[in-house]
């Protein structure tokens, strides 16, 4: 059951991103940056949730790596100017 919950909870931010694009929100750089930021925080939250439920260590490590990786990409792109808004 914990495996199914991890997969479902892991897909929630992606489904929300798809729904917002389908609703007509432009897929611009700020939208992608916000997605990376939210996905990073969500992944770290899932890692803590798994840790509190004494889930297998693989799930905890997966969500920590996904969260920190997502936040690192977000910060790197912001500092590199990749996600800057165009005038």
Protein backbone atom coordinates (compact mmCIF):
# COMPACT_ATOMS: atom_id res chain seq x y z
CA UNK A 1 0.00 0.00 0.00
CA UNK A 2 2.85 2.41 0.80
CA UNK A 3 4.26 1.89 -2.70
CA UNK A 4 0.99 2.86 -4.34
CA UNK A 5 0.65 5.95 -2.14
CA UNK A 6 4.18 7.06 -3.02
CA UNK A 7 3.51 6.79 -6.73
CA UNK A 8 0.17 8.60 -6.48
CA UNK A 9 1.53 11.35 -4.23
CA UNK A 10 4.57 11.72 -6.49
CA UNK A 11 2.37 12.35 -9.52
CA UNK A 12 0.15 15.01 -7.93
CA UNK A 13 2.34 18.04 -8.83
CA UNK A 14 2.73 16.77 -12.40
CA UNK A 15 -1.02 16.33 -12.76
CA UNK A 16 -1.59 19.85 -11.43
CA UNK A 17 0.95 21.20 -13.95
CA UNK A 18 -0.84 19.41 -16.78
CA UNK A 19 -4.22 20.68 -15.59
CA UNK A 20 -3.00 24.27 -15.41
CA UNK A 21 -1.59 24.07 -18.95
CA UNK A 22 -4.85 22.50 -20.15
CA UNK A 23 -6.77 25.34 -18.48
CA UNK A 24 -4.92 27.88 -20.58
CA UNK A 25 -2.04 29.05 -18.39
CA UNK A 26 0.93 29.89 -20.59
CA UNK A 27 3.82 27.49 -20.13
CA UNK A 28 6.43 30.19 -19.70
CA UNK A 29 9.67 30.23 -17.77
CA UNK A 30 8.19 31.50 -14.54
CA UNK A 31 5.57 28.73 -14.65
CA UNK A 32 8.27 26.07 -15.03
CA UNK A 33 10.38 27.67 -12.29
CA UNK A 34 7.42 27.63 -9.93
CA UNK A 35 6.77 23.98 -10.83
CA UNK A 36 10.36 23.02 -10.02
CA UNK A 37 10.18 24.89 -6.72
CA UNK A 38 6.85 23.34 -5.70
CA UNK A 39 7.92 19.86 -6.82
CA UNK A 40 11.12 20.16 -4.79
CA UNK A 41 9.26 21.15 -1.63
CA UNK A 42 6.62 18.47 -2.27
CA UNK A 43 9.30 15.79 -2.68
CA UNK A 44 11.01 16.74 0.56
CA UNK A 45 7.61 16.68 2.29
CA UNK A 46 7.03 13.16 0.93
CA UNK A 47 10.44 12.10 2.22
CA UNK A 48 9.55 13.34 5.71
CA UNK A 49 6.13 11.66 5.51
CA UNK A 50 7.80 8.36 4.56
CA UNK A 51 10.33 8.75 7.35
CA UNK A 52 7.58 9.29 9.93
CA UNK A 53 5.68 6.24 8.64
CA UNK A 54 8.87 4.12 8.80
CA UNK A 55 8.67 3.39 5.09
CA UNK A 56 11.52 1.64 3.29
CA UNK A 57 14.69 3.70 3.12
CA UNK A 58 14.60 3.62 -0.70
CA UNK A 59 11.45 5.79 -0.78
CA UNK A 60 12.97 8.29 1.63
CA UNK A 61 16.18 8.51 -0.40
CA UNK A 62 14.28 8.79 -3.68
CA UNK A 63 12.18 11.74 -2.50
CA UNK A 64 15.11 13.51 -0.84
CA UNK A 65 17.20 13.23 -4.01
CA UNK A 66 14.27 14.31 -6.22
CA UNK A 67 13.50 17.26 -3.95
CA UNK A 68 17.02 18.52 -3.54
CA UNK A 69 17.73 17.95 -7.22
CA UNK A 70 14.66 19.93 -8.25
CA UNK A 71 15.50 22.79 -5.90
CA UNK A 72 19.12 22.77 -7.09
CA UNK A 73 18.02 23.04 -10.73
CA UNK A 74 15.66 25.85 -9.80
CA UNK A 75 18.38 27.80 -7.98
CA UNK A 76 20.99 27.11 -10.68
CA UNK A 77 18.71 28.31 -13.48
CA UNK A 78 17.74 31.40 -11.52
CA UNK A 79 21.37 32.35 -10.89
CA UNK A 80 22.42 31.51 -14.45
CA UNK A 81 19.62 33.67 -15.80
CA UNK A 82 18.05 30.82 -17.75
CA UNK A 83 14.59 31.48 -16.32
CA UNK A 84 14.66 35.26 -16.48
CA UNK A 85 11.59 36.92 -17.90
CA UNK A 86 11.78 38.35 -21.38
CA UNK A 87 10.70 41.99 -21.79
